[in-house]
């Protein structure tokens, strides 16, 4: 999954929601369990408290009881964490009775900590006990009328609550962590499996674009199937438009050819200035028609999706042909570094572009022409790949100003050389239609370098 991908968005969103739910559930369960521990602990303390209250109620007036029926040895051990305390309220002198486990100073009073009295007159809460112990304390005021009022308190070591709560939280964290990992793996699988049809349709489009297929093939889910149908319909419509364009170009060529021939024939039998002017303009018109019809034909071919051509065989074949054509000049046409690349377009177009450039190099070369083909992979895999064709000659070369004028339609720098001057213009136009370009520069061997940049399949 890459940055800014649909799969990453789904995965991060689902993972974040799952994490939020698990954290919320964990906090809720931890809180509920601790509350349950506190209620259970408070019930235990209340049992001791009620026993002490009963002893206070049965004690004769003026005396503080010595509870003996609690059944808990920890009340007898100093600083054990389990304590009870009875305070007689009112009167001139405060009387206090504590368990043997309570050190000097007694226990804190919850009413002094602003803890609100609950049902039945009980107060419950946490206090700091002797030696910094954290205690859970329950207290109640007992009013015996003429026998006086008493504050009865029982405290237990809160370590039992904290320890049980920590053990539960550890187990809960481990269980939720395992569940979270299971959720993440499940989400990852769902994203990969759910988006697999999009990967398939992307691969099918790549096959069409590279020429391995003519349309999207295979079964797609009902959510993706309409997209596949529309893409196939678009591809078919594109082919029909190209076929119609080719037909119209052919019809236009035939329609213009006859009137121009008639004009030229009519002017051929006359020698006056008007006839010369007609012949001149008919020649210009033919050249213009030829150029624009050729451009329309090329544009129609470029519009076809999915055509792929082999580059190395075409280069080797053209080099052999040019060697034979220019054998009388004893030119050396060398191909070197021909990488195995494929042109994303019609082989006829590639051969036409390469043929014009190599033929031009042979016309101007003194003795040597070099052809090199190599690919340049884009830094971003999503970008379009291109390959480069370098044609060097050891001729006179061109100045920077002349190189800017060469691709212009019909521009010839030397009228003594054969040709109409349309070759480089056609190459530049066709390369541009394919999304590439033609760059002219200085060759390392002394002449002109023509660099043709075209899309690779």
Protein backbone atom coordinates (compact mmCIF):
# COMPACT_ATOMS: atom_id res chain seq x y z
CA UNK A 1 0.00 0.00 0.00
CA UNK A 2 1.42 3.32 -1.11
CA UNK A 3 0.93 6.83 0.10
CA UNK A 4 -2.40 8.35 -0.96
CA UNK A 5 -3.74 4.94 -2.01
CA UNK A 6 -7.32 3.81 -1.52
CA UNK A 7 -6.11 0.65 0.24
CA UNK A 8 -4.07 2.72 2.70
CA UNK A 9 -7.05 4.96 3.48
CA UNK A 10 -9.34 2.01 4.12
CA UNK A 11 -6.72 0.21 6.21
CA UNK A 12 -5.87 3.25 8.35
CA UNK A 13 -9.53 4.18 8.84
CA UNK A 14 -10.60 0.65 9.83
CA UNK A 15 -7.56 0.23 12.10
CA UNK A 16 -8.18 3.57 13.81
CA UNK A 17 -11.87 2.76 14.39
CA UNK A 18 -11.02 -0.72 15.70
CA UNK A 19 -8.35 0.72 18.02
CA UNK A 20 -10.78 3.34 19.34
CA UNK A 21 -13.43 0.68 19.99
CA UNK A 22 -10.96 -1.66 21.73
CA UNK A 23 -9.59 1.16 23.93
CA UNK A 24 -13.12 2.24 24.86
CA UNK A 25 -14.16 -1.33 25.65
CA UNK A 26 -10.96 -1.87 27.66
CA UNK A 27 -11.49 1.26 29.76
CA UNK A 28 -15.14 0.38 30.30
CA UNK A 29 -14.40 -3.22 31.37
CA UNK A 30 -11.56 -2.08 33.63
CA UNK A 31 -13.82 0.50 35.30
CA UNK A 32 -16.68 -1.98 35.74
CA UNK A 33 -14.39 -4.64 37.18
CA UNK A 34 -12.78 -2.23 39.64
CA UNK A 35 -16.22 -1.05 40.71
CA UNK A 36 -17.22 -4.66 41.27
CA UNK A 37 -14.08 -5.24 43.37
CA UNK A 38 -14.82 -2.15 45.47
CA UNK A 39 -18.44 -3.20 46.07
CA UNK A 40 -17.33 -6.68 47.09
CA UNK A 41 -14.66 -5.24 49.40
CA UNK A 42 -17.17 -2.78 50.88
CA UNK A 43 -19.62 -5.61 51.62
CA UNK A 44 -16.86 -7.38 53.54
CA UNK A 45 -16.08 -4.23 55.52
CA UNK A 46 -19.79 -3.67 56.18
CA UNK A 47 -20.06 -7.10 57.73
CA UNK A 48 -17.35 -6.15 60.25
CA UNK A 49 -18.92 -2.72 60.72
CA UNK A 50 -22.37 -4.13 61.49
CA UNK A 51 -20.85 -6.58 63.97
CA UNK A 52 -19.10 -3.71 65.77
CA UNK A 53 -22.28 -1.58 65.70
CA UNK A 54 -24.20 -4.48 67.30
CA UNK A 55 -21.57 -4.71 70.06
CA UNK A 56 -21.82 -0.96 70.64
CA UNK A 57 -25.60 -1.16 70.91
CA UNK A 58 -25.38 -3.98 73.47
CA UNK A 59 -22.76 -2.31 75.61
CA UNK A 60 -23.84 -0.65 78.83
CA UNK A 61 -23.94 3.11 78.94
CA UNK A 62 -20.63 4.85 79.29
CA UNK A 63 -18.36 2.01 78.17
CA UNK A 64 -16.76 1.35 74.78
CA UNK A 65 -17.00 -2.26 73.61
CA UNK A 66 -14.18 -4.62 72.78
CA UNK A 67 -15.48 -6.44 69.67
CA UNK A 68 -14.56 -10.08 69.92
CA UNK A 69 -16.68 -11.78 67.25
CA UNK A 70 -14.99 -10.37 64.11
CA UNK A 71 -13.03 -13.52 63.37
CA UNK A 72 -10.19 -11.71 61.63
CA UNK A 73 -6.69 -12.16 63.13
CA UNK A 74 -5.35 -9.23 61.10
CA UNK A 75 -7.14 -6.84 63.48
CA UNK A 76 -4.75 -8.06 66.17
CA UNK A 77 -1.52 -7.60 64.19
CA UNK A 78 0.07 -4.11 64.27
CA UNK A 79 0.04 -2.24 60.97
CA UNK A 80 -1.61 -5.20 59.24
CA UNK A 81 -3.74 -2.93 57.08
CA UNK A 82 -6.96 -4.04 58.73
CA UNK A 83 -8.29 -1.73 61.44
CA UNK A 84 -11.40 -0.78 63.35
CA UNK A 85 -12.09 2.30 65.42
CA UNK A 86 -14.90 3.50 67.71
CA UNK A 87 -15.21 7.15 68.75
CA UNK A 88 -17.76 8.42 71.30
CA UNK A 89 -19.08 11.73 70.01
CA UNK A 90 -20.18 14.59 72.23
CA UNK A 91 -19.37 15.06 75.84
CA UNK A 92 -16.47 16.87 77.38
CA UNK A 93 -13.91 14.22 76.54
CA UNK A 94 -13.46 12.33 73.26
CA UNK A 95 -13.17 8.63 73.83
CA UNK A 96 -11.54 6.39 71.24
CA UNK A 97 -11.32 2.64 71.06
CA UNK A 98 -9.26 0.94 68.31
CA UNK A 99 -8.13 -2.47 67.24
CA UNK A 100 -4.68 -3.57 68.34
CA UNK A 101 -3.48 -3.18 64.75
CA UNK A 102 -4.04 0.61 64.77
CA UNK A 103 -0.95 2.64 65.71
CA UNK A 104 -1.01 5.82 67.76
CA UNK A 105 -2.96 8.62 66.12
CA UNK A 106 -5.88 6.50 65.01
CA UNK A 107 -7.61 6.43 61.60
CA UNK A 108 -8.63 9.37 59.40
CA UNK A 109 -12.31 10.39 59.42
CA UNK A 110 -14.18 10.40 56.06
CA UNK A 111 -16.46 13.25 57.10
CA UNK A 112 -13.37 15.46 57.39
CA UNK A 113 -12.52 14.57 53.74
CA UNK A 114 -15.94 15.90 52.58
CA UNK A 115 -17.14 12.44 51.52
CA UNK A 116 -20.93 12.52 51.28
CA UNK A 117 -22.97 10.17 53.41
CA UNK A 118 -24.68 7.42 51.44
CA UNK A 119 -27.72 5.23 51.96
CA UNK A 120 -28.10 3.91 55.52
CA UNK A 121 -25.76 6.58 56.88
CA UNK A 122 -22.62 4.90 55.53
CA UNK A 123 -19.58 6.69 54.17
CA UNK A 124 -17.14 4.85 51.92
CA UNK A 125 -13.84 6.02 50.42
CA UNK A 126 -10.08 5.82 50.20
CA UNK A 127 -7.77 7.33 52.83
CA UNK A 128 -4.07 7.36 53.60
CA UNK A 129 -3.50 5.20 56.65
CA UNK A 130 -0.52 4.51 58.87
CA UNK A 131 2.88 4.16 57.20
CA UNK A 132 1.42 5.58 53.99
CA UNK A 133 -0.91 2.63 53.49
CA UNK A 134 -3.80 3.17 51.08
CA UNK A 135 -6.96 2.09 52.89
CA UNK A 136 -10.54 1.48 51.88
CA UNK A 137 -12.59 2.77 54.82
CA UNK A 138 -16.26 2.46 55.78
CA UNK A 139 -17.73 4.46 58.65
CA UNK A 140 -21.14 5.06 60.20
CA UNK A 141 -22.52 7.20 62.98
CA UNK A 142 -24.60 5.23 65.49
CA UNK A 143 -27.08 7.21 67.62
CA UNK A 144 -28.13 5.32 70.77
CA UNK A 145 -30.17 8.15 72.24
CA UNK A 146 -29.40 8.53 75.93
CA UNK A 147 -26.47 6.12 75.57
CA UNK A 148 -24.71 8.58 73.24
CA UNK A 149 -23.56 8.83 69.65
CA UNK A 150 -20.68 6.80 68.22
CA UNK A 151 -18.59 6.95 65.04
CA UNK A 152 -17.71 3.40 64.00
CA UNK A 153 -15.13 2.84 61.24
CA UNK A 154 -13.59 -0.24 59.65
CA UNK A 155 -10.71 -0.08 57.18
CA UNK A 156 -9.01 -2.67 54.97
CA UNK A 157 -5.82 -2.64 52.91
CA UNK A 158 -6.71 -1.34 49.41
CA UNK A 159 -3.75 -3.29 48.05
CA UNK A 160 -6.10 -6.25 47.55
CA UNK A 161 -8.32 -4.13 45.27
CA UNK A 162 -5.38 -2.60 43.42
CA UNK A 163 -3.62 -5.94 43.00
CA UNK A 164 -6.68 -7.73 41.67
CA UNK A 165 -7.46 -4.76 39.41
CA UNK A 166 -3.91 -4.73 37.99
CA UNK A 167 -4.01 -8.49 37.35
CA UNK A 168 -7.31 -8.07 35.53
CA UNK A 169 -6.00 -5.09 33.53
CA UNK A 170 -2.91 -7.07 32.48
CA UNK A 171 -5.03 -9.99 31.32
CA UNK A 172 -7.47 -7.59 29.65
CA UNK A 173 -4.64 -5.75 27.84
CA UNK A 174 -3.19 -9.04 26.60
CA UNK A 175 -6.60 -10.25 25.38
CA UNK A 176 -7.43 -6.94 23.68
CA UNK A 177 -3.96 -6.81 22.11
CA UNK A 178 -4.50 -10.25 20.60
CA UNK A 179 -7.95 -9.17 19.46
CA UNK A 180 -6.47 -5.98 17.99
CA UNK A 181 -3.87 -7.94 16.05
CA UNK A 182 -6.65 -10.23 14.78
CA UNK A 183 -8.66 -7.13 13.75
CA UNK A 184 -5.66 -5.62 11.93
CA UNK A 185 -4.98 -8.85 10.05
CA UNK A 186 -8.68 -9.18 9.22
CA UNK A 187 -8.83 -5.58 7.97
CA UNK A 188 -5.66 -6.09 5.91
CA UNK A 189 -7.12 -9.23 4.34
CA UNK A 190 -10.47 -7.53 3.66
CA UNK A 191 -8.78 -4.53 2.04
CA UNK A 192 -6.52 -6.71 -0.10
CA UNK A 193 -9.32 -9.09 -1.04
CA UNK A 194 -11.94 -6.38 -1.47
CA UNK A 195 -9.75 -4.19 -3.70
CA UNK A 196 -8.39 -7.10 -5.73
CA UNK A 197 -10.91 -6.43 -8.56
CA UNK A 198 -9.48 -2.91 -8.90
CA UNK A 199 -6.00 -4.41 -9.25
CA UNK A 200 -7.33 -6.80 -11.88
CA UNK A 201 -8.97 -4.02 -13.84
CA UNK A 202 -5.74 -1.98 -13.62
CA UNK A 203 -3.78 -4.97 -14.95
CA UNK A 204 -6.35 -5.42 -17.73
CA UNK A 205 -6.02 -1.75 -18.71
CA UNK A 206 -2.23 -2.10 -18.72
CA UNK A 207 -2.61 -5.13 -21.04
CA UNK A 208 -4.78 -3.07 -23.40
CA UNK A 209 -2.36 -0.16 -23.28
CA UNK A 210 0.63 -2.40 -23.97
CA UNK A 211 -1.11 -4.15 -26.86
CA UNK A 212 -1.50 -7.58 -25.21
CA UNK A 213 -5.29 -7.29 -25.27
CA UNK A 214 -7.93 -5.35 -27.19
CA UNK A 215 -10.45 -4.97 -24.36
CA UNK A 216 -10.97 -5.66 -20.67
CA UNK A 217 -11.56 -9.36 -20.23
CA UNK A 218 -12.70 -11.47 -17.30
CA UNK A 219 -15.50 -11.37 -14.74
CA UNK A 220 -15.68 -8.43 -12.35
CA UNK A 221 -17.89 -7.81 -9.25
CA UNK A 222 -21.19 -6.10 -9.90
CA UNK A 223 -19.81 -2.80 -8.49
CA UNK A 224 -16.90 -2.85 -10.98
CA UNK A 225 -18.62 -4.50 -13.95
CA UNK A 226 -20.29 -1.24 -15.18
CA UNK A 227 -16.88 0.46 -15.22
CA UNK A 228 -15.39 -2.40 -17.27
CA UNK A 229 -18.32 -2.23 -19.72
CA UNK A 230 -17.95 1.53 -20.15
CA UNK A 231 -14.18 1.24 -20.71
CA UNK A 232 -14.71 -1.47 -23.33
CA UNK A 233 -17.37 0.68 -24.99
CA UNK A 234 -14.94 3.61 -25.00
CA UNK A 235 -12.21 1.50 -26.58
CA UNK A 236 -14.61 0.28 -29.27
CA UNK A 237 -15.80 3.83 -29.90
CA UNK A 238 -12.17 4.95 -30.23
CA UNK A 239 -11.50 2.29 -32.87
CA UNK A 240 -14.61 3.30 -34.81
CA UNK A 241 -13.59 6.98 -34.73
CA UNK A 242 -10.11 6.10 -35.98
CA UNK A 243 -11.54 3.94 -38.79
CA UNK A 244 -13.87 6.74 -39.85
CA UNK A 245 -11.01 9.25 -39.73
CA UNK A 246 -8.88 7.03 -41.95
CA UNK A 247 -11.74 6.64 -44.39
CA UNK A 248 -12.37 10.41 -44.50
CA UNK A 249 -8.66 11.10 -45.04
CA UNK A 250 -8.60 8.67 -47.97
CA UNK A 251 -11.77 10.16 -49.45
CA UNK A 252 -10.37 13.66 -49.11
CA UNK A 253 -7.14 12.66 -50.81
CA UNK A 254 -8.99 11.21 -53.78
CA UNK A 255 -11.37 14.18 -53.90
CA UNK A 256 -8.51 16.69 -54.07
CA UNK A 257 -6.25 14.70 -56.36
CA UNK A 258 -8.57 14.90 -59.41
CA UNK A 259 -9.21 18.70 -59.40
CA UNK A 260 -5.50 19.43 -58.94
CA UNK A 261 -4.62 17.09 -61.82
CA UNK A 262 -7.20 18.81 -64.03
CA UNK A 263 -5.75 22.24 -63.22
CA UNK A 264 -2.22 21.04 -63.89
CA UNK A 265 -3.21 19.47 -67.22
CA UNK A 266 -5.01 22.62 -68.34
CA UNK A 267 -1.95 24.74 -67.53
CA UNK A 268 0.50 22.31 -69.13
CA UNK A 269 -0.50 23.24 -72.67
CA UNK A 270 0.04 26.95 -72.16
CA UNK A 271 3.22 28.99 -71.77
CA UNK A 272 1.85 32.34 -70.66
CA UNK A 273 2.60 33.82 -67.21
CA UNK A 274 -0.87 32.85 -65.95
CA UNK A 275 -0.25 29.19 -66.71
CA UNK A 276 3.13 29.34 -64.97
CA UNK A 277 1.45 30.83 -61.92
CA UNK A 278 -1.19 28.08 -61.94
CA UNK A 279 1.46 25.37 -62.15
CA UNK A 280 3.38 26.99 -59.29
CA UNK A 281 0.33 27.26 -57.04
CA UNK A 282 -0.86 23.74 -57.88
CA UNK A 283 2.55 22.46 -56.82
CA UNK A 284 2.28 24.38 -53.55
CA UNK A 285 -1.27 23.08 -53.03
CA UNK A 286 -0.15 19.49 -53.63
CA UNK A 287 2.64 19.92 -51.12
CA UNK A 288 0.25 21.42 -48.56
CA UNK A 289 -2.34 18.69 -49.14
CA UNK A 290 0.32 16.00 -48.88
CA UNK A 291 1.60 17.42 -45.58
CA UNK A 292 -1.78 17.83 -43.91
CA UNK A 293 -3.14 14.52 -45.15
CA UNK A 294 -0.01 12.82 -43.85
CA UNK A 295 -0.43 14.56 -40.50
CA UNK A 296 -4.09 13.51 -40.31
CA UNK A 297 -3.16 9.93 -41.22
CA UNK A 298 -0.49 9.85 -38.52
CA UNK A 299 -2.80 11.36 -35.92
CA UNK A 300 -5.42 8.71 -36.70
CA UNK A 301 -2.88 5.92 -36.26
CA UNK A 302 -1.58 7.39 -33.00
CA UNK A 303 -5.13 7.42 -31.61
CA UNK A 304 -5.23 3.63 -31.67
CA UNK A 305 -4.77 2.26 -28.14
CA UNK A 306 -2.59 -0.73 -27.33
CA UNK A 307 -0.25 -1.01 -30.33
CA UNK A 308 3.30 -2.17 -29.54
CA UNK A 309 6.27 -2.53 -31.91
CA UNK A 310 9.67 -4.16 -31.54
CA UNK A 311 12.50 -1.62 -31.84
CA UNK A 312 15.79 -3.60 -32.32
CA UNK A 313 14.68 -5.53 -35.45
CA UNK A 314 13.47 -2.33 -37.10
CA UNK A 315 16.78 -0.55 -36.37
CA UNK A 316 18.92 -3.42 -37.70
CA UNK A 317 16.73 -3.80 -40.79
CA UNK A 318 16.88 -0.07 -41.56
CA UNK A 319 20.68 0.03 -41.04
CA UNK A 320 21.16 -2.77 -43.60
CA UNK A 321 18.84 -1.05 -46.08
CA UNK A 322 20.60 2.30 -45.81
CA UNK A 323 24.00 0.62 -46.21
CA UNK A 324 22.84 -0.82 -49.51
CA UNK A 325 21.32 2.47 -50.70
CA UNK A 326 24.50 4.43 -49.97
CA UNK A 327 27.01 1.69 -50.78
CA UNK A 328 28.55 3.84 -53.52
CA UNK A 329 29.66 6.37 -50.87
CA UNK A 330 31.18 3.64 -48.70
CA UNK A 331 29.37 4.88 -45.59
CA UNK A 332 29.76 2.98 -42.32
CA UNK A 333 26.43 2.67 -40.54
CA UNK A 334 27.07 1.27 -37.07
CA UNK A 335 24.44 0.20 -34.54
CA UNK A 336 25.65 -0.02 -30.95
CA UNK A 337 24.02 -0.32 -27.54
CA UNK A 338 20.68 -1.37 -29.03
CA UNK A 339 18.66 -2.22 -25.94
CA UNK A 340 15.67 -4.53 -26.12
CA UNK A 341 12.91 -1.93 -25.93
CA UNK A 342 9.42 -1.73 -27.40
CA UNK A 343 7.78 1.27 -29.02
CA UNK A 344 4.29 2.06 -27.80
CA UNK A 345 2.89 2.75 -31.25
CA UNK A 346 2.66 1.60 -34.84
CA UNK A 347 5.79 -0.03 -36.32
CA UNK A 348 5.14 1.83 -39.59
CA UNK A 349 5.34 5.16 -37.77
CA UNK A 350 8.58 4.23 -35.99
CA UNK A 351 10.17 3.07 -39.22
CA UNK A 352 9.08 6.26 -40.95
CA UNK A 353 10.56 8.49 -38.23
CA UNK A 354 13.78 6.50 -37.97
CA UNK A 355 14.06 6.19 -41.75
CA UNK A 356 13.83 9.96 -42.25
CA UNK A 357 16.46 10.63 -39.60
CA UNK A 358 18.92 7.96 -40.77
CA UNK A 359 18.44 8.95 -44.42
CA UNK A 360 19.13 12.59 -43.52
CA UNK A 361 22.25 11.56 -41.59
CA UNK A 362 23.47 9.50 -44.57
CA UNK A 363 22.97 12.41 -46.95
CA UNK A 364 25.16 14.72 -44.84
CA UNK A 365 27.69 12.25 -43.41
CA UNK A 366 31.23 12.11 -44.71
CA UNK A 367 31.90 8.48 -43.87
CA UNK A 368 30.13 7.41 -40.68
CA UNK A 369 26.66 7.17 -39.13
CA UNK A 370 26.04 5.77 -35.64
CA UNK A 371 22.71 4.61 -34.21
CA UNK A 372 22.14 3.97 -30.51
CA UNK A 373 18.98 2.94 -28.64
CA UNK A 374 18.57 2.99 -24.86
CA UNK A 375 15.75 3.27 -22.34
CA UNK A 376 15.44 5.69 -19.43
CA UNK A 377 13.34 4.44 -16.55
CA UNK A 378 11.32 7.15 -14.78
CA UNK A 379 12.06 8.01 -11.15
CA UNK A 380 8.38 7.45 -10.30
CA UNK A 381 7.09 4.02 -11.43
CA UNK A 382 3.70 5.60 -12.14
CA UNK A 383 5.21 7.97 -14.74
CA UNK A 384 5.35 7.09 -18.42
CA UNK A 385 8.52 5.35 -19.64
CA UNK A 386 10.43 6.60 -22.69
CA UNK A 387 13.32 5.33 -24.80
CA UNK A 388 15.88 7.35 -26.79
CA UNK A 389 17.22 6.82 -30.31
CA UNK A 390 20.45 8.68 -31.12
CA UNK A 391 21.49 9.13 -34.78
CA UNK A 392 24.94 10.72 -35.16
CA UNK A 393 26.82 11.60 -38.34
CA UNK A 394 30.29 13.00 -38.99
CA UNK A 395 29.10 15.62 -41.47
CA UNK A 396 29.38 19.41 -41.24
CA UNK A 397 26.75 19.69 -38.50
CA UNK A 398 24.46 22.67 -37.90
CA UNK A 399 24.60 25.86 -35.88
CA UNK A 400 22.09 26.47 -33.08
CA UNK A 401 20.09 28.87 -35.30
CA UNK A 402 19.98 26.39 -38.14
CA UNK A 403 18.88 23.55 -35.84
CA UNK A 404 15.87 25.62 -34.80
CA UNK A 405 14.84 26.09 -38.47
CA UNK A 406 15.32 22.50 -39.65
CA UNK A 407 12.07 20.98 -38.26
CA UNK A 408 10.03 23.73 -39.94
CA UNK A 409 7.81 22.32 -42.66
CA UNK A 410 9.36 22.56 -46.10
CA UNK A 411 12.52 24.21 -44.83
CA UNK A 412 15.66 23.07 -46.73
CA UNK A 413 19.07 24.37 -45.76
CA UNK A 414 20.70 23.11 -48.95
CA UNK A 415 18.61 23.06 -52.13
CA UNK A 416 21.24 20.83 -53.78
CA UNK A 417 20.35 17.92 -51.52
CA UNK A 418 17.45 15.72 -52.65
CA UNK A 419 14.12 15.79 -50.83
CA UNK A 420 11.18 18.09 -50.22
CA UNK A 421 12.18 19.32 -46.79
CA UNK A 422 9.18 17.60 -45.18
CA UNK A 423 11.08 14.71 -43.55
CA UNK A 424 12.20 16.27 -40.30
CA UNK A 425 8.93 18.16 -39.99
CA UNK A 426 7.00 14.88 -40.24
CA UNK A 427 9.32 13.27 -37.68
CA UNK A 428 8.86 16.16 -35.24
CA UNK A 429 5.08 16.19 -35.71
CA UNK A 430 4.71 12.44 -35.35
CA UNK A 431 6.96 12.28 -32.28
CA UNK A 432 4.90 15.04 -30.68
CA UNK A 433 1.65 13.18 -31.44
CA UNK A 434 3.02 10.19 -29.55
CA UNK A 435 3.98 12.38 -26.59
CA UNK A 436 7.68 12.35 -27.49
CA UNK A 437 10.00 14.85 -29.15
CA UNK A 438 12.83 15.37 -31.62
CA UNK A 439 15.96 17.14 -30.32
CA UNK A 440 18.82 18.23 -32.58
CA UNK A 441 22.32 18.78 -31.21
CA UNK A 442 26.02 18.24 -31.85
CA UNK A 443 27.27 14.69 -32.35
CA UNK A 444 30.42 13.49 -30.53
CA UNK A 445 31.82 12.35 -33.90
CA UNK A 446 31.62 15.87 -35.30
CA UNK A 447 28.32 16.26 -37.14
CA UNK A 448 24.64 16.46 -36.27
CA UNK A 449 22.98 14.43 -33.53
CA UNK A 450 19.26 13.71 -33.90
CA UNK A 451 17.76 12.44 -30.62
CA UNK A 452 14.33 10.87 -30.96
CA UNK A 453 12.43 10.41 -27.65
CA UNK A 454 9.42 8.06 -27.85
CA UNK A 455 7.13 6.27 -25.35
CA UNK A 456 8.18 2.75 -24.37
CA UNK A 457 5.78 -0.11 -23.83
